[in-house]
Amino acid sequence: MNREAKILRDRRKELDISQQALATEVGLEVRQYQRFEYGQQLISHANMKLGLRICAALELDPFELVFEDGVDVAVPKKQNK
């Protein structure tokens, strides 16, 4: 199981929400949502609106879900002048 899938599953269980209820809330069929939670599809490769809806439903910070430590190492940080 990949990191994103584990975060999604653990958070959903923490909130005591079924996969079906979550899928319905974000406008997906349950099987489509399960693909994210089982690691068959990365949420970081999904449509941005869908990823944000899932993060909102699970009360997750999208940056923390997609980027390890909440930071994309490929994007340089702004320097204060």
PDB file of N, CA and C in Angstrom:
ATOM      1  N   MET A   1       0.853  -1.177   0.000  1.00  0.00           N
ATOM      2  CA  MET A   1       0.000   0.000   0.000  1.00  0.00           C
ATOM      3  C   MET A   1       0.898   1.240   0.000  1.00  0.00           C
ATOM      4  N   ASN A   2       0.584   2.196  -0.852  1.00  0.00           N
ATOM      5  CA  ASN A   2       1.402   3.413  -0.915  1.00  0.00           C
ATOM      6  C   ASN A   2       1.006   4.395   0.188  1.00  0.00           C
ATOM      7  N   ARG A   3       1.825   5.400   0.358  1.00  0.00           N
ATOM      8  CA  ARG A   3       1.655   6.396   1.422  1.00  0.00           C
ATOM      9  C   ARG A   3       0.301   7.101   1.344  1.00  0.00           C
ATOM     10  N   GLU A   4      -0.080   7.566   0.150  1.00  0.00           N
ATOM     11  CA  GLU A   4      -1.357   8.267  -0.017  1.00  0.00           C
ATOM     12  C   GLU A   4      -2.526   7.372   0.370  1.00  0.00           C
ATOM     13  N   ALA A   5      -2.508   6.136  -0.088  1.00  0.00           N
ATOM     14  CA  ALA A   5      -3.598   5.203   0.199  1.00  0.00           C
ATOM     15  C   ALA A   5      -3.739   4.969   1.701  1.00  0.00           C
ATOM     16  N   LYS A   6      -2.614   4.807   2.379  1.00  0.00           N
ATOM     17  CA  LYS A   6      -2.634   4.580   3.830  1.00  0.00           C
ATOM     18  C   LYS A   6      -3.224   5.782   4.564  1.00  0.00           C
ATOM     19  N   ILE A   7      -2.833   6.985   4.150  1.00  0.00           N
ATOM     20  CA  ILE A   7      -3.369   8.195   4.774  1.00  0.00           C
ATOM     21  C   ILE A   7      -4.884   8.272   4.572  1.00  0.00           C
ATOM     22  N   LEU A   8      -5.345   8.023   3.346  1.00  0.00           N
ATOM     23  CA  LEU A   8      -6.782   8.076   3.062  1.00  0.00           C
ATOM     24  C   LEU A   8      -7.547   7.059   3.913  1.00  0.00           C
ATOM     25  N   ARG A   9      -7.070   5.829   3.918  1.00  0.00           N
ATOM     26  CA  ARG A   9      -7.758   4.777   4.667  1.00  0.00           C
ATOM     27  C   ARG A   9      -7.778   5.074   6.164  1.00  0.00           C
ATOM     28  N   ASP A  10      -6.603   5.425   6.692  1.00  0.00           N
ATOM     29  CA  ASP A  10      -6.517   5.682   8.140  1.00  0.00           C
ATOM     30  C   ASP A  10      -7.406   6.847   8.559  1.00  0.00           C
ATOM     31  N   ARG A  11      -7.407   7.911   7.771  1.00  0.00           N
ATOM     32  CA  ARG A  11      -8.214   9.085   8.123  1.00  0.00           C
ATOM     33  C   ARG A  11      -9.706   8.793   8.023  1.00  0.00           C
ATOM     34  N   ARG A  12     -10.100   8.055   6.989  1.00  0.00           N
ATOM     35  CA  ARG A  12     -11.520   7.694   6.835  1.00  0.00           C
ATOM     36  C   ARG A  12     -11.986   6.868   8.027  1.00  0.00           C
ATOM     37  N   LYS A  13     -11.160   5.909   8.420  1.00  0.00           N
ATOM     38  CA  LYS A  13     -11.514   5.073   9.582  1.00  0.00           C
ATOM     39  C   LYS A  13     -11.534   5.897  10.865  1.00  0.00           C
ATOM     40  N   GLU A  14     -10.590   6.823  10.988  1.00  0.00           N
ATOM     41  CA  GLU A  14     -10.538   7.699  12.155  1.00  0.00           C
ATOM     42  C   GLU A  14     -11.834   8.507  12.290  1.00  0.00           C
ATOM     43  N   LEU A  15     -12.366   8.946  11.158  1.00  0.00           N
ATOM     44  CA  LEU A  15     -13.604   9.727  11.147  1.00  0.00           C
ATOM     45  C   LEU A  15     -14.854   8.836  11.175  1.00  0.00           C
ATOM     46  N   ASP A  16     -14.643   7.517  11.130  1.00  0.00           N
ATOM     47  CA  ASP A  16     -15.734   6.536  11.159  1.00  0.00           C
ATOM     48  C   ASP A  16     -16.722   6.764  10.016  1.00  0.00           C
ATOM     49  N   ILE A  17     -16.161   6.873   8.801  1.00  0.00           N
ATOM     50  CA  ILE A  17     -16.960   7.070   7.587  1.00  0.00           C
ATOM     51  C   ILE A  17     -16.760   5.831   6.711  1.00  0.00           C
ATOM     52  N   SER A  18     -17.834   5.288   6.174  1.00  0.00           N
ATOM     53  CA  SER A  18     -17.708   4.140   5.273  1.00  0.00           C
ATOM     54  C   SER A  18     -17.181   4.614   3.913  1.00  0.00           C
ATOM     55  N   GLN A  19     -16.620   3.676   3.184  1.00  0.00           N
ATOM     56  CA  GLN A  19     -16.169   4.011   1.829  1.00  0.00           C
ATOM     57  C   GLN A  19     -17.349   4.481   0.990  1.00  0.00           C
ATOM     58  N   GLN A  20     -18.479   3.831   1.138  1.00  0.00           N
ATOM     59  CA  GLN A  20     -19.675   4.197   0.368  1.00  0.00           C
ATOM     60  C   GLN A  20     -20.115   5.617   0.690  1.00  0.00           C
ATOM     61  N   ALA A  21     -20.153   5.973   1.976  1.00  0.00           N
ATOM     62  CA  ALA A  21     -20.589   7.312   2.379  1.00  0.00           C
ATOM     63  C   ALA A  21     -19.632   8.369   1.845  1.00  0.00           C
ATOM     64  N   LEU A  22     -18.345   8.094   1.920  1.00  0.00           N
ATOM     65  CA  LEU A  22     -17.359   9.059   1.431  1.00  0.00           C
ATOM     66  C   LEU A  22     -17.471   9.222  -0.082  1.00  0.00           C
ATOM     67  N   ALA A  23     -17.575   8.100  -0.777  1.00  0.00           N
ATOM     68  CA  ALA A  23     -17.698   8.156  -2.234  1.00  0.00           C
ATOM     69  C   ALA A  23     -18.925   8.963  -2.642  1.00  0.00           C
ATOM     70  N   THR A  24     -20.036   8.734  -1.986  1.00  0.00           N
ATOM     71  CA  THR A  24     -21.267   9.471  -2.281  1.00  0.00           C
ATOM     72  C   THR A  24     -21.077  10.961  -2.017  1.00  0.00           C
ATOM     73  N   GLU A  25     -20.434  11.292  -0.897  1.00  0.00           N
ATOM     74  CA  GLU A  25     -20.225  12.701  -0.541  1.00  0.00           C
ATOM     75  C   GLU A  25     -19.397  13.447  -1.586  1.00  0.00           C
ATOM     76  N   VAL A  26     -18.406  12.777  -2.179  1.00  0.00           N
ATOM     77  CA  VAL A  26     -17.532  13.455  -3.146  1.00  0.00           C
ATOM     78  C   VAL A  26     -17.958  13.225  -4.595  1.00  0.00           C
ATOM     79  N   GLY A  27     -19.049  12.480  -4.794  1.00  0.00           N
ATOM     80  CA  GLY A  27     -19.588  12.309  -6.145  1.00  0.00           C
ATOM     81  C   GLY A  27     -18.945  11.207  -6.956  1.00  0.00           C
ATOM     82  N   LEU A  28     -18.517  10.133  -6.283  1.00  0.00           N
ATOM     83  CA  LEU A  28     -17.902   9.002  -6.971  1.00  0.00           C
ATOM     84  C   LEU A  28     -18.700   7.730  -6.725  1.00  0.00           C
ATOM     85  N   GLU A  29     -18.514   6.751  -7.590  1.00  0.00           N
ATOM     86  CA  GLU A  29     -18.961   5.399  -7.292  1.00  0.00           C
ATOM     87  C   GLU A  29     -17.969   4.842  -6.273  1.00  0.00           C
ATOM     88  N   VAL A  30     -18.424   3.953  -5.411  1.00  0.00           N
ATOM     89  CA  VAL A  30     -17.563   3.429  -4.356  1.00  0.00           C
ATOM     90  C   VAL A  30     -16.310   2.777  -4.942  1.00  0.00           C
ATOM     91  N   ARG A  31     -16.436   2.065  -6.047  1.00  0.00           N
ATOM     92  CA  ARG A  31     -15.269   1.396  -6.661  1.00  0.00           C
ATOM     93  C   ARG A  31     -14.228   2.422  -7.103  1.00  0.00           C
ATOM     94  N   GLN A  32     -14.679   3.564  -7.602  1.00  0.00           N
ATOM     95  CA  GLN A  32     -13.728   4.610  -8.007  1.00  0.00           C
ATOM     96  C   GLN A  32     -12.947   5.106  -6.800  1.00  0.00           C
ATOM     97  N   TYR A  33     -13.634   5.319  -5.667  1.00  0.00           N
ATOM     98  CA  TYR A  33     -12.927   5.765  -4.468  1.00  0.00           C
ATOM     99  C   TYR A  33     -11.984   4.680  -3.964  1.00  0.00           C
ATOM    100  N   GLN A  34     -12.427   3.442  -3.994  1.00  0.00           N
ATOM    101  CA  GLN A  34     -11.599   2.343  -3.502  1.00  0.00           C
ATOM    102  C   GLN A  34     -10.261   2.260  -4.241  1.00  0.00           C
ATOM    103  N   ARG A  35     -10.244   2.624  -5.481  1.00  0.00           N
ATOM    104  CA  ARG A  35      -8.980   2.603  -6.239  1.00  0.00           C
ATOM    105  C   ARG A  35      -7.926   3.502  -5.593  1.00  0.00           C
ATOM    106  N   PHE A  36      -8.353   4.638  -5.050  1.00  0.00           N
ATOM    107  CA  PHE A  36      -7.416   5.519  -4.338  1.00  0.00           C
ATOM    108  C   PHE A  36      -6.966   4.874  -3.034  1.00  0.00           C
ATOM    109  N   GLU A  37      -7.931   4.337  -2.308  1.00  0.00           N
ATOM    110  CA  GLU A  37      -7.630   3.794  -0.982  1.00  0.00           C
ATOM    111  C   GLU A  37      -6.844   2.481  -1.055  1.00  0.00           C
ATOM    112  N   TYR A  38      -6.986   1.736  -2.126  1.00  0.00           N
ATOM    113  CA  TYR A  38      -6.247   0.489  -2.281  1.00  0.00           C
ATOM    114  C   TYR A  38      -4.916   0.693  -2.995  1.00  0.00           C
ATOM    115  N   GLY A  39      -4.623   1.940  -3.362  1.00  0.00           N
ATOM    116  CA  GLY A  39      -3.347   2.244  -3.999  1.00  0.00           C
ATOM    117  C   GLY A  39      -3.283   1.913  -5.477  1.00  0.00           C
ATOM    118  N   GLN A  40      -4.428   1.661  -6.088  1.00  0.00           N
ATOM    119  CA  GLN A  40      -4.464   1.353  -7.518  1.00  0.00           C
ATOM    120  C   GLN A  40      -4.400   2.614  -8.371  1.00  0.00           C
ATOM    121  N   GLN A  41      -4.728   3.744  -7.769  1.00  0.00           N
ATOM    122  CA  GLN A  41      -4.647   5.037  -8.445  1.00  0.00           C
ATOM    123  C   GLN A  41      -4.178   6.062  -7.419  1.00  0.00           C
ATOM    124  N   LEU A  42      -3.248   6.908  -7.820  1.00  0.00           N
ATOM    125  CA  LEU A  42      -2.743   7.945  -6.920  1.00  0.00           C
ATOM    126  C   LEU A  42      -3.653   9.158  -6.963  1.00  0.00           C
ATOM    127  N   ILE A  43      -3.989   9.668  -5.807  1.00  0.00           N
ATOM    128  CA  ILE A  43      -4.811  10.875  -5.746  1.00  0.00           C
ATOM    129  C   ILE A  43      -4.042  12.059  -6.332  1.00  0.00           C
ATOM    130  N   SER A  44      -2.720  12.015  -6.247  1.00  0.00           N
ATOM    131  CA  SER A  44      -1.901  13.091  -6.812  1.00  0.00           C
ATOM    132  C   SER A  44      -1.971  13.121  -8.337  1.00  0.00           C
ATOM    133  N   HIS A  45      -2.495  12.065  -8.948  1.00  0.00           N
ATOM    134  CA  HIS A  45      -2.658  12.027 -10.399  1.00  0.00           C
ATOM    135  C   HIS A  45      -4.110  12.249 -10.814  1.00  0.00           C
ATOM    136  N   ALA A  46      -4.972  12.479  -9.855  1.00  0.00           N
ATOM    137  CA  ALA A  46      -6.399  12.675 -10.128  1.00  0.00           C
ATOM    138  C   ALA A  46      -6.680  14.131 -10.509  1.00  0.00           C
ATOM    139  N   ASN A  47      -7.870  14.351 -10.981  1.00  0.00           N
ATOM    140  CA  ASN A  47      -8.364  15.693 -11.248  1.00  0.00           C
ATOM    141  C   ASN A  47      -8.262  16.525  -9.970  1.00  0.00           C
ATOM    142  N   MET A  48      -7.792  17.759 -10.078  1.00  0.00           N
ATOM    143  CA  MET A  48      -7.573  18.596  -8.904  1.00  0.00           C
ATOM    144  C   MET A  48      -8.854  18.782  -8.084  1.00  0.00           C
ATOM    145  N   LYS A  49      -9.973  19.042  -8.747  1.00  0.00           N
ATOM    146  CA  LYS A  49     -11.226  19.259  -8.018  1.00  0.00           C
ATOM    147  C   LYS A  49     -11.629  18.022  -7.226  1.00  0.00           C
ATOM    148  N   LEU A  50     -11.443  16.858  -7.817  1.00  0.00           N
ATOM    149  CA  LEU A  50     -11.781  15.620  -7.126  1.00  0.00           C
ATOM    150  C   LEU A  50     -10.857  15.424  -5.919  1.00  0.00           C
ATOM    151  N   GLY A  51      -9.579  15.631  -6.104  1.00  0.00           N
ATOM    152  CA  GLY A  51      -8.630  15.503  -4.996  1.00  0.00           C
ATOM    153  C   GLY A  51      -8.961  16.453  -3.861  1.00  0.00           C
ATOM    154  N   LEU A  52      -9.328  17.677  -4.201  1.00  0.00           N
ATOM    155  CA  LEU A  52      -9.685  18.658  -3.168  1.00  0.00           C
ATOM    156  C   LEU A  52     -10.988  18.286  -2.461  1.00  0.00           C
ATOM    157  N   ARG A  53     -11.951  17.727  -3.208  1.00  0.00           N
ATOM    158  CA  ARG A  53     -13.203  17.287  -2.570  1.00  0.00           C
ATOM    159  C   ARG A  53     -12.943  16.156  -1.584  1.00  0.00           C
ATOM    160  N   ILE A  54     -12.083  15.222  -1.962  1.00  0.00           N
ATOM    161  CA  ILE A  54     -11.756  14.109  -1.066  1.00  0.00           C
ATOM    162  C   ILE A  54     -11.033  14.638   0.170  1.00  0.00           C
ATOM    163  N   CYS A  55     -10.073  15.537  -0.024  1.00  0.00           N
ATOM    164  CA  CYS A  55      -9.353  16.119   1.118  1.00  0.00           C
ATOM    165  C   CYS A  55     -10.306  16.870   2.043  1.00  0.00           C
ATOM    166  N   ALA A  56     -11.240  17.616   1.477  1.00  0.00           N
ATOM    167  CA  ALA A  56     -12.197  18.359   2.302  1.00  0.00           C
ATOM    168  C   ALA A  56     -13.082  17.400   3.097  1.00  0.00           C
ATOM    169  N   ALA A  57     -13.554  16.348   2.451  1.00  0.00           N
ATOM    170  CA  ALA A  57     -14.427  15.389   3.130  1.00  0.00           C
ATOM    171  C   ALA A  57     -13.700  14.688   4.279  1.00  0.00           C
ATOM    172  N   LEU A  58     -12.387  14.473   4.096  1.00  0.00           N
ATOM    173  CA  LEU A  58     -11.598  13.790   5.127  1.00  0.00           C
ATOM    174  C   LEU A  58     -10.860  14.766   6.044  1.00  0.00           C
ATOM    175  N   GLU A  59     -11.093  16.061   5.812  1.00  0.00           N
ATOM    176  CA  GLU A  59     -10.440  17.105   6.618  1.00  0.00           C
ATOM    177  C   GLU A  59      -8.919  16.943   6.599  1.00  0.00           C
ATOM    178  N   LEU A  60      -8.389  16.751   5.391  1.00  0.00           N
ATOM    179  CA  LEU A  60      -6.951  16.579   5.189  1.00  0.00           C
ATOM    180  C   LEU A  60      -6.378  17.779   4.449  1.00  0.00           C
ATOM    181  N   ASP A  61      -5.152  18.129   4.766  1.00  0.00           N
ATOM    182  CA  ASP A  61      -4.426  19.155   4.030  1.00  0.00           C
ATOM    183  C   ASP A  61      -3.909  18.504   2.744  1.00  0.00           C
ATOM    184  N   PRO A  62      -4.305  19.012   1.573  1.00  0.00           N
ATOM    185  CA  PRO A  62      -3.872  18.397   0.317  1.00  0.00           C
ATOM    186  C   PRO A  62      -2.352  18.312   0.177  1.00  0.00           C
ATOM    187  N   PHE A  63      -1.639  19.319   0.668  1.00  0.00           N
ATOM    188  CA  PHE A  63      -0.181  19.295   0.564  1.00  0.00           C
ATOM    189  C   PHE A  63       0.407  18.147   1.373  1.00  0.00           C
ATOM    190  N   GLU A  64      -0.140  17.913   2.566  1.00  0.00           N
ATOM    191  CA  GLU A  64       0.368  16.830   3.404  1.00  0.00           C
ATOM    192  C   GLU A  64       0.036  15.468   2.816  1.00  0.00           C
ATOM    193  N   LEU A  65      -1.095  15.374   2.109  1.00  0.00           N
ATOM    194  CA  LEU A  65      -1.460  14.114   1.481  1.00  0.00           C
ATOM    195  C   LEU A  65      -0.557  13.817   0.290  1.00  0.00           C
ATOM    196  N   VAL A  66      -0.372  14.795  -0.569  1.00  0.00           N
ATOM    197  CA  VAL A  66       0.337  14.569  -1.820  1.00  0.00           C
ATOM    198  C   VAL A  66       1.857  14.621  -1.667  1.00  0.00           C
ATOM    199  N   PHE A  67       2.348  15.549  -0.852  1.00  0.00           N
ATOM    200  CA  PHE A  67       3.787  15.709  -0.699  1.00  0.00           C
ATOM    201  C   PHE A  67       4.233  15.212   0.658  1.00  0.00           C
ATOM    202  N   GLU A  68       5.267  14.406   0.662  1.00  0.00           N
ATOM    203  CA  GLU A  68       5.809  13.939   1.930  1.00  0.00           C
ATOM    204  C   GLU A  68       6.305  15.142   2.723  1.00  0.00           C
ATOM    205  N   ASP A  69       5.991  15.207   3.984  1.00  0.00           N
ATOM    206  CA  ASP A  69       6.316  16.334   4.863  1.00  0.00           C
ATOM    207  C   ASP A  69       5.646  17.627   4.415  1.00  0.00           C
ATOM    208  N   GLY A  70       4.628  17.537   3.539  1.00  0.00           N
ATOM    209  CA  GLY A  70       3.885  18.709   3.113  1.00  0.00           C
ATOM    210  C   GLY A  70       4.632  19.619   2.161  1.00  0.00           C
ATOM    211  N   VAL A  71       5.761  19.146   1.615  1.00  0.00           N
ATOM    212  CA  VAL A  71       6.583  19.989   0.749  1.00  0.00           C
ATOM    213  C   VAL A  71       6.975  19.212  -0.497  1.00  0.00           C
ATOM    214  N   ASP A  72       6.869  19.841  -1.635  1.00  0.00           N
ATOM    215  CA  ASP A  72       7.347  19.256  -2.887  1.00  0.00           C
ATOM    216  C   ASP A  72       8.786  19.702  -3.066  1.00  0.00           C
ATOM    217  N   VAL A  73       9.711  18.778  -2.988  1.00  0.00           N
ATOM    218  CA  VAL A  73      11.130  19.137  -3.057  1.00  0.00           C
ATOM    219  C   VAL A  73      11.524  19.692  -4.422  1.00  0.00           C
ATOM    220  N   ALA A  74      10.702  19.457  -5.446  1.00  0.00           N
ATOM    221  CA  ALA A  74      11.027  19.951  -6.776  1.00  0.00           C
ATOM    222  C   ALA A  74      10.721  21.438  -6.939  1.00  0.00           C
ATOM    223  N   VAL A  75       9.933  21.992  -6.023  1.00  0.00           N
ATOM    224  CA  VAL A  75       9.571  23.402  -6.112  1.00  0.00           C
ATOM    225  C   VAL A  75      10.452  24.191  -5.146  1.00  0.00           C
ATOM    226  N   PRO A  76      11.256  25.113  -5.665  1.00  0.00           N
ATOM    227  CA  PRO A  76      12.123  25.884  -4.765  1.00  0.00           C
ATOM    228  C   PRO A  76      11.309  26.811  -3.870  1.00  0.00           C
ATOM    229  N   LYS A  77      11.754  26.961  -2.658  1.00  0.00           N
ATOM    230  CA  LYS A  77      11.090  27.874  -1.722  1.00  0.00           C
ATOM    231  C   LYS A  77      11.471  29.298  -2.053  1.00  0.00           C
ATOM    232  N   LYS A  78      10.538  30.222  -1.803  1.00  0.00           N
ATOM    233  CA  LYS A  78      10.815  31.628  -2.014  1.00  0.00           C
ATOM    234  C   LYS A  78      11.826  32.093  -0.970  1.00  0.00           C
ATOM    235  N   GLN A  79      12.730  32.920  -1.425  1.00  0.00           N
ATOM    236  CA  GLN A  79      13.724  33.464  -0.496  1.00  0.00           C
ATOM    237  C   GLN A  79      13.319  34.855  -0.083  1.00  0.00           C
ATOM    238  N   ASN A  80      13.458  35.138   1.193  1.00  0.00           N
ATOM    239  CA  ASN A  80      13.177  36.492   1.694  1.00  0.00           C
ATOM    240  C   ASN A  80      14.353  37.391   1.360  1.00  0.00           C
ATOM    241  N   LYS A  81      14.057  38.569   0.883  1.00  0.00           N
ATOM    242  CA  LYS A  81      15.133  39.512   0.519  1.00  0.00           C
ATOM    243  C   LYS A  81      15.204  40.627   1.512  1.00  0.00           C
TER     244      LYS A  81
END
